Amino acid sequence: MSQNLKEISDELNKRVKELEQDLKESHASREDFQNTCKLQLEQIESLKQDLQSKHATLEQDNVKLTRKVEDLKQRYSELEAKSINTAATAHQTIKKLSEEIESNTK
């Protein structure tokens, strides 16, 4: 019987050691997982900051481009008005010259 108790005790001690080893491995695995998660969170935060910076830059560029478009529209309108005035002046000049030529040829 004492032999039987010895075997049971040895088996229990062996199982306790196995469980302790499993616990150590599980703890190490959990730490690895936590470290991996921390690294991923840091990477995500870095990417988030990078995206926020790029977003701010894009917004600034958009404002600049919008101003340029408005300036170009204004300039186009001015040039269009000048073009119409020039065409009207040219038409009047041609009309006057035609009238002068007609009156000079009579």
PDB file of N, CA and C in Angstrom:
ATOM      1  N   MET A   1       0.805  -1.188   0.000  1.00  0.00           N
ATOM      2  CA  MET A   1       0.000   0.000   0.000  1.00  0.00           C
ATOM      3  C   MET A   1       0.853   1.258   0.000  1.00  0.00           C
ATOM      4  N   SER A   2       1.937   1.243   0.786  1.00  0.00           N
ATOM      5  CA  SER A   2       2.797   2.422   0.795  1.00  0.00           C
ATOM      6  C   SER A   2       3.460   2.600  -0.564  1.00  0.00           C
ATOM      7  N   GLN A   3       3.702   1.480  -1.238  1.00  0.00           N
ATOM      8  CA  GLN A   3       4.233   1.561  -2.606  1.00  0.00           C
ATOM      9  C   GLN A   3       3.203   2.234  -3.511  1.00  0.00           C
ATOM     10  N   ASN A   4       1.962   1.877  -3.345  1.00  0.00           N
ATOM     11  CA  ASN A   4       0.890   2.446  -4.126  1.00  0.00           C
ATOM     12  C   ASN A   4       0.761   3.949  -3.848  1.00  0.00           C
ATOM     13  N   LEU A   5       0.869   4.319  -2.566  1.00  0.00           N
ATOM     14  CA  LEU A   5       0.823   5.748  -2.205  1.00  0.00           C
ATOM     15  C   LEU A   5       2.016   6.482  -2.783  1.00  0.00           C
ATOM     16  N   LYS A   6       3.154   5.862  -2.782  1.00  0.00           N
ATOM     17  CA  LYS A   6       4.369   6.460  -3.349  1.00  0.00           C
ATOM     18  C   LYS A   6       4.176   6.711  -4.838  1.00  0.00           C
ATOM     19  N   GLU A   7       3.619   5.739  -5.538  1.00  0.00           N
ATOM     20  CA  GLU A   7       3.368   5.896  -6.977  1.00  0.00           C
ATOM     21  C   GLU A   7       2.361   7.022  -7.243  1.00  0.00           C
ATOM     22  N   ILE A   8       1.315   7.051  -6.421  1.00  0.00           N
ATOM     23  CA  ILE A   8       0.315   8.109  -6.572  1.00  0.00           C
ATOM     24  C   ILE A   8       0.945   9.466  -6.299  1.00  0.00           C
ATOM     25  N   SER A   9       1.738   9.545  -5.243  1.00  0.00           N
ATOM     26  CA  SER A   9       2.414  10.794  -4.894  1.00  0.00           C
ATOM     27  C   SER A   9       3.371  11.224  -6.009  1.00  0.00           C
ATOM     28  N   ASP A  10       4.133  10.283  -6.546  1.00  0.00           N
ATOM     29  CA  ASP A  10       5.055  10.592  -7.652  1.00  0.00           C
ATOM     30  C   ASP A  10       4.278  11.072  -8.876  1.00  0.00           C
ATOM     31  N   GLU A  11       3.174  10.389  -9.151  1.00  0.00           N
ATOM     32  CA  GLU A  11       2.354  10.767 -10.301  1.00  0.00           C
ATOM     33  C   GLU A  11       1.767  12.166 -10.105  1.00  0.00           C
ATOM     34  N   LEU A  12       1.300  12.448  -8.884  1.00  0.00           N
ATOM     35  CA  LEU A  12       0.747  13.770  -8.594  1.00  0.00           C
ATOM     36  C   LEU A  12       1.844  14.845  -8.690  1.00  0.00           C
ATOM     37  N   ASN A  13       3.005  14.555  -8.176  1.00  0.00           N
ATOM     38  CA  ASN A  13       4.120  15.506  -8.262  1.00  0.00           C
ATOM     39  C   ASN A  13       4.499  15.759  -9.722  1.00  0.00           C
ATOM     40  N   LYS A  14       4.516  14.687 -10.498  1.00  0.00           N
ATOM     41  CA  LYS A  14       4.818  14.812 -11.922  1.00  0.00           C
ATOM     42  C   LYS A  14       3.767  15.685 -12.600  1.00  0.00           C
ATOM     43  N   ARG A  15       2.503  15.435 -12.272  1.00  0.00           N
ATOM     44  CA  ARG A  15       1.412  16.205 -12.878  1.00  0.00           C
ATOM     45  C   ARG A  15       1.464  17.673 -12.440  1.00  0.00           C
ATOM     46  N   VAL A  16       1.826  17.904 -11.168  1.00  0.00           N
ATOM     47  CA  VAL A  16       1.958  19.286 -10.674  1.00  0.00           C
ATOM     48  C   VAL A  16       3.058  20.001 -11.452  1.00  0.00           C
ATOM     49  N   LYS A  17       4.177  19.341 -11.662  1.00  0.00           N
ATOM     50  CA  LYS A  17       5.272  19.944 -12.430  1.00  0.00           C
ATOM     51  C   LYS A  17       4.837  20.241 -13.863  1.00  0.00           C
ATOM     52  N   GLU A  18       4.098  19.318 -14.467  1.00  0.00           N
ATOM     53  CA  GLU A  18       3.589  19.544 -15.824  1.00  0.00           C
ATOM     54  C   GLU A  18       2.652  20.754 -15.859  1.00  0.00           C
ATOM     55  N   LEU A  19       1.781  20.825 -14.863  1.00  0.00           N
ATOM     56  CA  LEU A  19       0.842  21.952 -14.797  1.00  0.00           C
ATOM     57  C   LEU A  19       1.586  23.268 -14.561  1.00  0.00           C
ATOM     58  N   GLU A  20       2.605  23.220 -13.713  1.00  0.00           N
ATOM     59  CA  GLU A  20       3.408  24.425 -13.479  1.00  0.00           C
ATOM     60  C   GLU A  20       4.093  24.865 -14.777  1.00  0.00           C
ATOM     61  N   GLN A  21       4.619  23.900 -15.521  1.00  0.00           N
ATOM     62  CA  GLN A  21       5.262  24.214 -16.801  1.00  0.00           C
ATOM     63  C   GLN A  21       4.242  24.781 -17.792  1.00  0.00           C
ATOM     64  N   ASP A  22       3.065  24.157 -17.846  1.00  0.00           N
ATOM     65  CA  ASP A  22       2.000  24.667 -18.719  1.00  0.00           C
ATOM     66  C   ASP A  22       1.633  26.100 -18.336  1.00  0.00           C
ATOM     67  N   LEU A  23       1.561  26.345 -17.016  1.00  0.00           N
ATOM     68  CA  LEU A  23       1.222  27.684 -16.540  1.00  0.00           C
ATOM     69  C   LEU A  23       2.301  28.684 -16.949  1.00  0.00           C
ATOM     70  N   LYS A  24       3.562  28.309 -16.811  1.00  0.00           N
ATOM     71  CA  LYS A  24       4.666  29.188 -17.224  1.00  0.00           C
ATOM     72  C   LYS A  24       4.589  29.492 -18.720  1.00  0.00           C
ATOM     73  N   GLU A  25       4.358  28.438 -19.507  1.00  0.00           N
ATOM     74  CA  GLU A  25       4.257  28.619 -20.960  1.00  0.00           C
ATOM     75  C   GLU A  25       3.045  29.488 -21.319  1.00  0.00           C
ATOM     76  N   SER A  26       1.955  29.251 -20.616  1.00  0.00           N
ATOM     77  CA  SER A  26       0.753  30.038 -20.865  1.00  0.00           C
ATOM     78  C   SER A  26       0.999  31.505 -20.510  1.00  0.00           C
ATOM     79  N   HIS A  27       1.672  31.716 -19.394  1.00  0.00           N
ATOM     80  CA  HIS A  27       1.991  33.083 -18.966  1.00  0.00           C
ATOM     81  C   HIS A  27       2.916  33.750 -19.995  1.00  0.00           C
ATOM     82  N   ALA A  28       3.926  33.032 -20.443  1.00  0.00           N
ATOM     83  CA  ALA A  28       4.851  33.574 -21.450  1.00  0.00           C
ATOM     84  C   ALA A  28       4.099  33.877 -22.740  1.00  0.00           C
ATOM     85  N   SER A  29       3.206  32.976 -23.121  1.00  0.00           N
ATOM     86  CA  SER A  29       2.420  33.184 -24.336  1.00  0.00           C
ATOM     87  C   SER A  29       1.530  34.415 -24.190  1.00  0.00           C
ATOM     88  N   ARG A  30       0.926  34.570 -23.013  1.00  0.00           N
ATOM     89  CA  ARG A  30       0.078  35.731 -22.756  1.00  0.00           C
ATOM     90  C   ARG A  30       0.910  37.019 -22.820  1.00  0.00           C
ATOM     91  N   GLU A  31       2.107  36.998 -22.260  1.00  0.00           N
ATOM     92  CA  GLU A  31       2.990  38.171 -22.309  1.00  0.00           C
ATOM     93  C   GLU A  31       3.376  38.491 -23.749  1.00  0.00           C
ATOM     94  N   ASP A  32       3.690  37.458 -24.520  1.00  0.00           N
ATOM     95  CA  ASP A  32       4.005  37.674 -25.939  1.00  0.00           C
ATOM     96  C   ASP A  32       2.813  38.311 -26.655  1.00  0.00           C
ATOM     97  N   PHE A  33       1.623  37.796 -26.372  1.00  0.00           N
ATOM     98  CA  PHE A  33       0.416  38.334 -26.988  1.00  0.00           C
ATOM     99  C   PHE A  33       0.205  39.792 -26.582  1.00  0.00           C
ATOM    100  N   GLN A  34       0.399  40.084 -25.291  1.00  0.00           N
ATOM    101  CA  GLN A  34       0.249  41.458 -24.813  1.00  0.00           C
ATOM    102  C   GLN A  34       1.271  42.388 -25.483  1.00  0.00           C
ATOM    103  N   ASN A  35       2.509  41.919 -25.593  1.00  0.00           N
ATOM    104  CA  ASN A  35       3.542  42.725 -26.242  1.00  0.00           C
ATOM    105  C   ASN A  35       3.214  42.962 -27.713  1.00  0.00           C
ATOM    106  N   THR A  36       2.719  41.932 -28.362  1.00  0.00           N
ATOM    107  CA  THR A  36       2.320  42.069 -29.763  1.00  0.00           C
ATOM    108  C   THR A  36       1.188  43.089 -29.885  1.00  0.00           C
ATOM    109  N   CYS A  37       0.219  42.997 -28.986  1.00  0.00           N
ATOM    110  CA  CYS A  37      -0.900  43.947 -28.994  1.00  0.00           C
ATOM    111  C   CYS A  37      -0.412  45.369 -28.754  1.00  0.00           C
ATOM    112  N   LYS A  38       0.511  45.536 -27.813  1.00  0.00           N
ATOM    113  CA  LYS A  38       1.058  46.871 -27.530  1.00  0.00           C
ATOM    114  C   LYS A  38       1.749  47.436 -28.769  1.00  0.00           C
ATOM    115  N   LEU A  39       2.543  46.594 -29.427  1.00  0.00           N
ATOM    116  CA  LEU A  39       3.225  47.049 -30.643  1.00  0.00           C
ATOM    117  C   LEU A  39       2.222  47.431 -31.726  1.00  0.00           C
ATOM    118  N   GLN A  40       1.205  46.617 -31.876  1.00  0.00           N
ATOM    119  CA  GLN A  40       0.187  46.917 -32.885  1.00  0.00           C
ATOM    120  C   GLN A  40      -0.557  48.204 -32.550  1.00  0.00           C
ATOM    121  N   LEU A  41      -0.849  48.424 -31.276  1.00  0.00           N
ATOM    122  CA  LEU A  41      -1.503  49.669 -30.863  1.00  0.00           C
ATOM    123  C   LEU A  41      -0.617  50.875 -31.141  1.00  0.00           C
ATOM    124  N   GLU A  42       0.669  50.730 -30.876  1.00  0.00           N
ATOM    125  CA  GLU A  42       1.606  51.823 -31.174  1.00  0.00           C
ATOM    126  C   GLU A  42       1.644  52.102 -32.674  1.00  0.00           C
ATOM    127  N   GLN A  43       1.655  51.036 -33.474  1.00  0.00           N
ATOM    128  CA  GLN A  43       1.654  51.213 -34.926  1.00  0.00           C
ATOM    129  C   GLN A  43       0.362  51.877 -35.395  1.00  0.00           C
ATOM    130  N   ILE A  44      -0.745  51.462 -34.802  1.00  0.00           N
ATOM    131  CA  ILE A  44      -2.033  52.054 -35.169  1.00  0.00           C
ATOM    132  C   ILE A  44      -2.042  53.536 -34.802  1.00  0.00           C
ATOM    133  N   GLU A  45      -1.554  53.870 -33.621  1.00  0.00           N
ATOM    134  CA  GLU A  45      -1.506  55.265 -33.192  1.00  0.00           C
ATOM    135  C   GLU A  45      -0.607  56.083 -34.119  1.00  0.00           C
ATOM    136  N   SER A  46       0.511  55.507 -34.504  1.00  0.00           N
ATOM    137  CA  SER A  46       1.418  56.195 -35.429  1.00  0.00           C
ATOM    138  C   SER A  46       0.741  56.425 -36.778  1.00  0.00           C
ATOM    139  N   LEU A  47       0.062  55.394 -37.279  1.00  0.00           N
ATOM    140  CA  LEU A  47      -0.668  55.529 -38.545  1.00  0.00           C
ATOM    141  C   LEU A  47      -1.787  56.558 -38.426  1.00  0.00           C
ATOM    142  N   LYS A  48      -2.461  56.566 -37.292  1.00  0.00           N
ATOM    143  CA  LYS A  48      -3.532  57.533 -37.062  1.00  0.00           C
ATOM    144  C   LYS A  48      -2.977  58.955 -37.108  1.00  0.00           C
ATOM    145  N   GLN A  49      -1.860  59.181 -36.428  1.00  0.00           N
ATOM    146  CA  GLN A  49      -1.250  60.515 -36.434  1.00  0.00           C
ATOM    147  C   GLN A  49      -0.794  60.894 -37.833  1.00  0.00           C
ATOM    148  N   ASP A  50      -0.236  59.930 -38.551  1.00  0.00           N
ATOM    149  CA  ASP A  50       0.200  60.179 -39.925  1.00  0.00           C
ATOM    150  C   ASP A  50      -0.989  60.560 -40.809  1.00  0.00           C
ATOM    151  N   LEU A  51      -2.086  59.829 -40.665  1.00  0.00           N
ATOM    152  CA  LEU A  51      -3.292  60.128 -41.445  1.00  0.00           C
ATOM    153  C   LEU A  51      -3.868  61.494 -41.078  1.00  0.00           C
ATOM    154  N   GLN A  52      -3.845  61.822 -39.788  1.00  0.00           N
ATOM    155  CA  GLN A  52      -4.350  63.137 -39.374  1.00  0.00           C
ATOM    156  C   GLN A  52      -3.494  64.245 -39.970  1.00  0.00           C
ATOM    157  N   SER A  53      -2.191  64.028 -39.981  1.00  0.00           N
ATOM    158  CA  SER A  53      -1.286  65.016 -40.565  1.00  0.00           C
ATOM    159  C   SER A  53      -1.542  65.164 -42.061  1.00  0.00           C
ATOM    160  N   LYS A  54      -1.674  64.035 -42.747  1.00  0.00           N
ATOM    161  CA  LYS A  54      -1.942  64.064 -44.195  1.00  0.00           C
ATOM    162  C   LYS A  54      -3.302  64.698 -44.477  1.00  0.00           C
ATOM    163  N   HIS A  55      -4.278  64.426 -43.620  1.00  0.00           N
ATOM    164  CA  HIS A  55      -5.605  65.010 -43.799  1.00  0.00           C
ATOM    165  C   HIS A  55      -5.524  66.534 -43.667  1.00  0.00           C
ATOM    166  N   ALA A  56      -4.794  66.999 -42.666  1.00  0.00           N
ATOM    167  CA  ALA A  56      -4.640  68.449 -42.475  1.00  0.00           C
ATOM    168  C   ALA A  56      -3.951  69.075 -43.687  1.00  0.00           C
ATOM    169  N   THR A  57      -2.924  68.400 -44.188  1.00  0.00           N
ATOM    170  CA  THR A  57      -2.218  68.903 -45.366  1.00  0.00           C
ATOM    171  C   THR A  57      -3.150  68.951 -46.570  1.00  0.00           C
ATOM    172  N   LEU A  58      -3.943  67.905 -46.760  1.00  0.00           N
ATOM    173  CA  LEU A  58      -4.892  67.878 -47.877  1.00  0.00           C
ATOM    174  C   LEU A  58      -5.933  68.988 -47.754  1.00  0.00           C
ATOM    175  N   GLU A  59      -6.380  69.237 -46.545  1.00  0.00           N
ATOM    176  CA  GLU A  59      -7.347  70.317 -46.350  1.00  0.00           C
ATOM    177  C   GLU A  59      -6.724  71.670 -46.696  1.00  0.00           C
ATOM    178  N   GLN A  60      -5.467  71.874 -46.279  1.00  0.00           N
ATOM    179  CA  GLN A  60      -4.777  73.124 -46.617  1.00  0.00           C
ATOM    180  C   GLN A  60      -4.607  73.243 -48.125  1.00  0.00           C
ATOM    181  N   ASP A  61      -4.211  72.149 -48.762  1.00  0.00           N
ATOM    182  CA  ASP A  61      -4.054  72.155 -50.221  1.00  0.00           C
ATOM    183  C   ASP A  61      -5.391  72.438 -50.901  1.00  0.00           C
ATOM    184  N   ASN A  62      -6.462  71.865 -50.358  1.00  0.00           N
ATOM    185  CA  ASN A  62      -7.787  72.082 -50.926  1.00  0.00           C
ATOM    186  C   ASN A  62      -8.175  73.564 -50.843  1.00  0.00           C
ATOM    187  N   VAL A  63      -7.885  74.183 -49.710  1.00  0.00           N
ATOM    188  CA  VAL A  63      -8.186  75.616 -49.552  1.00  0.00           C
ATOM    189  C   VAL A  63      -7.393  76.427 -50.569  1.00  0.00           C
ATOM    190  N   LYS A  64      -6.107  76.103 -50.711  1.00  0.00           N
ATOM    191  CA  LYS A  64      -5.266  76.827 -51.676  1.00  0.00           C
ATOM    192  C   LYS A  64      -5.787  76.648 -53.101  1.00  0.00           C
ATOM    193  N   LEU A  65      -6.128  75.402 -53.445  1.00  0.00           N
ATOM    194  CA  LEU A  65      -6.625  75.127 -54.792  1.00  0.00           C
ATOM    195  C   LEU A  65      -7.969  75.805 -55.040  1.00  0.00           C
ATOM    196  N   THR A  66      -8.810  75.836 -54.034  1.00  0.00           N
ATOM    197  CA  THR A  66     -10.101  76.512 -54.176  1.00  0.00           C
ATOM    198  C   THR A  66      -9.886  77.997 -54.448  1.00  0.00           C
ATOM    199  N   ARG A  67      -8.940  78.594 -53.725  1.00  0.00           N
ATOM    200  CA  ARG A  67      -8.621  80.010 -53.970  1.00  0.00           C
ATOM    201  C   ARG A  67      -8.106  80.209 -55.390  1.00  0.00           C
ATOM    202  N   LYS A  68      -7.224  79.311 -55.830  1.00  0.00           N
ATOM    203  CA  LYS A  68      -6.684  79.428 -57.182  1.00  0.00           C
ATOM    204  C   LYS A  68      -7.790  79.309 -58.225  1.00  0.00           C
ATOM    205  N   VAL A  69      -8.713  78.378 -58.011  1.00  0.00           N
ATOM    206  CA  VAL A  69      -9.830  78.200 -58.947  1.00  0.00           C
ATOM    207  C   VAL A  69     -10.670  79.478 -58.984  1.00  0.00           C
ATOM    208  N   GLU A  70     -10.948  80.042 -57.818  1.00  0.00           N
ATOM    209  CA  GLU A  70     -11.735  81.277 -57.774  1.00  0.00           C
ATOM    210  C   GLU A  70     -10.993  82.419 -58.472  1.00  0.00           C
ATOM    211  N   ASP A  71      -9.681  82.495 -58.237  1.00  0.00           N
ATOM    212  CA  ASP A  71      -8.875  83.513 -58.922  1.00  0.00           C
ATOM    213  C   ASP A  71      -8.914  83.319 -60.437  1.00  0.00           C
ATOM    214  N   LEU A  72      -8.793  82.064 -60.878  1.00  0.00           N
ATOM    215  CA  LEU A  72      -8.823  81.777 -62.313  1.00  0.00           C
ATOM    216  C   LEU A  72     -10.191  82.094 -62.914  1.00  0.00           C
ATOM    217  N   LYS A  73     -11.263  81.792 -62.176  1.00  0.00           N
ATOM    218  CA  LYS A  73     -12.599  82.138 -62.664  1.00  0.00           C
ATOM    219  C   LYS A  73     -12.730  83.652 -62.819  1.00  0.00           C
ATOM    220  N   GLN A  74     -12.234  84.388 -61.826  1.00  0.00           N
ATOM    221  CA  GLN A  74     -12.297  85.843 -61.883  1.00  0.00           C
ATOM    222  C   GLN A  74     -11.487  86.364 -63.060  1.00  0.00           C
ATOM    223  N   ARG A  75     -10.295  85.816 -63.223  1.00  0.00           N
ATOM    224  CA  ARG A  75      -9.445  86.246 -64.330  1.00  0.00           C
ATOM    225  C   ARG A  75     -10.097  85.913 -65.680  1.00  0.00           C
ATOM    226  N   TYR A  76     -10.696  84.739 -65.768  1.00  0.00           N
ATOM    227  CA  TYR A  76     -11.387  84.349 -67.000  1.00  0.00           C
ATOM    228  C   TYR A  76     -12.509  85.334 -67.310  1.00  0.00           C
ATOM    229  N   SER A  77     -13.273  85.671 -66.268  1.00  0.00           N
ATOM    230  CA  SER A  77     -14.379  86.633 -66.467  1.00  0.00           C
ATOM    231  C   SER A  77     -13.845  87.975 -66.955  1.00  0.00           C
ATOM    232  N   GLU A  78     -12.741  88.412 -66.350  1.00  0.00           N
ATOM    233  CA  GLU A  78     -12.142  89.685 -66.774  1.00  0.00           C
ATOM    234  C   GLU A  78     -11.665  89.602 -68.223  1.00  0.00           C
ATOM    235  N   LEU A  79     -10.989  88.511 -68.565  1.00  0.00           N
ATOM    236  CA  LEU A  79     -10.500  88.346 -69.936  1.00  0.00           C
ATOM    237  C   LEU A  79     -11.649  88.228 -70.921  1.00  0.00           C
ATOM    238  N   GLU A  80     -12.703  87.548 -70.518  1.00  0.00           N
ATOM    239  CA  GLU A  80     -13.869  87.412 -71.379  1.00  0.00           C
ATOM    240  C   GLU A  80     -14.495  88.794 -71.630  1.00  0.00           C
ATOM    241  N   ALA A  81     -14.586  89.597 -70.577  1.00  0.00           N
ATOM    242  CA  ALA A  81     -15.140  90.953 -70.726  1.00  0.00           C
ATOM    243  C   ALA A  81     -14.251  91.792 -71.637  1.00  0.00           C
ATOM    244  N   LYS A  82     -12.939  91.697 -71.443  1.00  0.00           N
ATOM    245  CA  LYS A  82     -12.004  92.432 -72.305  1.00  0.00           C
ATOM    246  C   LYS A  82     -12.139  91.975 -73.753  1.00  0.00           C
ATOM    247  N   SER A  83     -12.281  90.657 -73.924  1.00  0.00           N
ATOM    248  CA  SER A  83     -12.413  90.094 -75.267  1.00  0.00           C
ATOM    249  C   SER A  83     -13.675  90.618 -75.940  1.00  0.00           C
ATOM    250  N   ILE A  84     -14.768  90.658 -75.193  1.00  0.00           N
ATOM    251  CA  ILE A  84     -16.030  91.170 -75.745  1.00  0.00           C
ATOM    252  C   ILE A  84     -15.878  92.650 -76.096  1.00  0.00           C
ATOM    253  N   ASN A  85     -15.243  93.400 -75.199  1.00  0.00           N
ATOM    254  CA  ASN A  85     -15.016  94.832 -75.471  1.00  0.00           C
ATOM    255  C   ASN A  85     -14.123  95.027 -76.692  1.00  0.00           C
ATOM    256  N   THR A  86     -13.085  94.201 -76.774  1.00  0.00           N
ATOM    257  CA  THR A  86     -12.171  94.303 -77.917  1.00  0.00           C
ATOM    258  C   THR A  86     -12.909  93.968 -79.209  1.00  0.00           C
ATOM    259  N   ALA A  87     -13.727  92.926 -79.165  1.00  0.00           N
ATOM    260  CA  ALA A  87     -14.491  92.532 -80.352  1.00  0.00           C
ATOM    261  C   ALA A  87     -15.469  93.633 -80.742  1.00  0.00           C
ATOM    262  N   ALA A  88     -16.122  94.232 -79.753  1.00  0.00           N
ATOM    263  CA  ALA A  88     -17.070  95.312 -80.048  1.00  0.00           C
ATOM    264  C   ALA A  88     -16.336  96.523 -80.634  1.00  0.00           C
ATOM    265  N   THR A  89     -15.182  96.852 -80.045  1.00  0.00           N
ATOM    266  CA  THR A  89     -14.386  97.971 -80.558  1.00  0.00           C
ATOM    267  C   THR A  89     -13.918  97.675 -81.975  1.00  0.00           C
ATOM    268  N   ALA A  90     -13.460  96.459 -82.201  1.00  0.00           N
ATOM    269  CA  ALA A  90     -12.998  96.078 -83.539  1.00  0.00           C
ATOM    270  C   ALA A  90     -14.162  96.162 -84.522  1.00  0.00           C
ATOM    271  N   HIS A  91     -15.323  95.703 -84.112  1.00  0.00           N
ATOM    272  CA  HIS A  91     -16.503  95.764 -84.980  1.00  0.00           C
ATOM    273  C   HIS A  91     -16.842  97.223 -85.319  1.00  0.00           C
ATOM    274  N   GLN A  92     -16.805  98.085 -84.317  1.00  0.00           N
ATOM    275  CA  GLN A  92     -17.092  99.506 -84.548  1.00  0.00           C
ATOM    276  C   GLN A  92     -16.047 100.126 -85.468  1.00  0.00           C
ATOM    277  N   THR A  93     -14.780  99.769 -85.226  1.00  0.00           N
ATOM    278  CA  THR A  93     -13.703 100.317 -86.053  1.00  0.00           C
ATOM    279  C   THR A  93     -13.872  99.857 -87.499  1.00  0.00           C
ATOM    280  N   ILE A  94     -14.162  98.581 -87.678  1.00  0.00           N
ATOM    281  CA  ILE A  94     -14.362  98.058 -89.031  1.00  0.00           C
ATOM    282  C   ILE A  94     -15.550  98.747 -89.691  1.00  0.00           C
ATOM    283  N   LYS A  95     -16.612  98.946 -88.930  1.00  0.00           N
ATOM    284  CA  LYS A  95     -17.803  99.601 -89.457  1.00  0.00           C
ATOM    285  C   LYS A  95     -17.470 101.037 -89.892  1.00  0.00           C
ATOM    286  N   LYS A  96     -16.728 101.759 -89.031  1.00  0.00           N
ATOM    287  CA  LYS A  96     -16.340 103.138 -89.368  1.00  0.00           C
ATOM    288  C   LYS A  96     -15.440 103.167 -90.588  1.00  0.00           C
ATOM    289  N   LEU A  97     -14.464 102.257 -90.620  1.00  0.00           N
ATOM    290  CA  LEU A  97     -13.551 102.204 -91.761  1.00  0.00           C
ATOM    291  C   LEU A  97     -14.314 101.857 -93.043  1.00  0.00           C
ATOM    292  N   SER A  98     -15.247 100.936 -92.928  1.00  0.00           N
ATOM    293  CA  SER A  98     -16.055 100.578 -94.099  1.00  0.00           C
ATOM    294  C   SER A  98     -16.843 101.784 -94.582  1.00  0.00           C
ATOM    295  N   GLU A  99     -17.417 102.509 -93.642  1.00  0.00           N
ATOM    296  CA  GLU A  99     -18.183 103.707 -94.008  1.00  0.00           C
ATOM    297  C   GLU A  99     -17.277 104.754 -94.651  1.00  0.00           C
ATOM    298  N   GLU A 100     -16.079 104.933 -94.093  1.00  0.00           N
ATOM    299  CA  GLU A 100     -15.113 105.897 -94.657  1.00  0.00           C
ATOM    300  C   GLU A 100     -14.697 105.483 -96.046  1.00  0.00           C
ATOM    301  N   ILE A 101     -14.440 104.189 -96.196  1.00  0.00           N
ATOM    302  CA  ILE A 101     -14.024 103.688 -97.522  1.00  0.00           C
ATOM    303  C   ILE A 101     -15.161 103.891 -98.508  1.00  0.00           C
ATOM    304  N   GLU A 102     -16.361 103.619 -98.076  1.00  0.00           N
ATOM    305  CA  GLU A 102     -17.518 103.782 -98.943  1.00  0.00           C
ATOM    306  C   GLU A 102     -17.700 105.245 -99.329  1.00  0.00           C
ATOM    307  N   SER A 103     -17.546 106.115 -98.348  1.00  0.00           N
ATOM    308  CA  SER A 103     -17.730 107.538 -98.644  1.00  0.00           C
ATOM    309  C   SER A 103     -16.588 108.074 -99.495  1.00  0.00           C
ATOM    310  N   ASN A 104     -15.403 107.523 -99.347  1.00  0.00           N
ATOM    311  CA  ASN A 104     -14.237 107.955-100.147  1.00  0.00           C
ATOM    312  C   ASN A 104     -14.297 107.404-101.567  1.00  0.00           C
ATOM    313  N   THR A 105     -14.948 106.316-101.750  1.00  0.00           N
ATOM    314  CA  THR A 105     -15.033 105.729-103.087  1.00  0.00           C
ATOM    315  C   THR A 105     -16.185 106.326-103.894  1.00  0.00           C
ATOM    316  N   LYS A 106     -17.031 107.111-103.276  1.00  0.00           N
ATOM    317  CA  LYS A 106     -18.159 107.709-104.009  1.00  0.00           C
ATOM    318  C   LYS A 106     -17.765 108.918-104.724  1.00  0.00           C
TER     319      LYS A 106
END
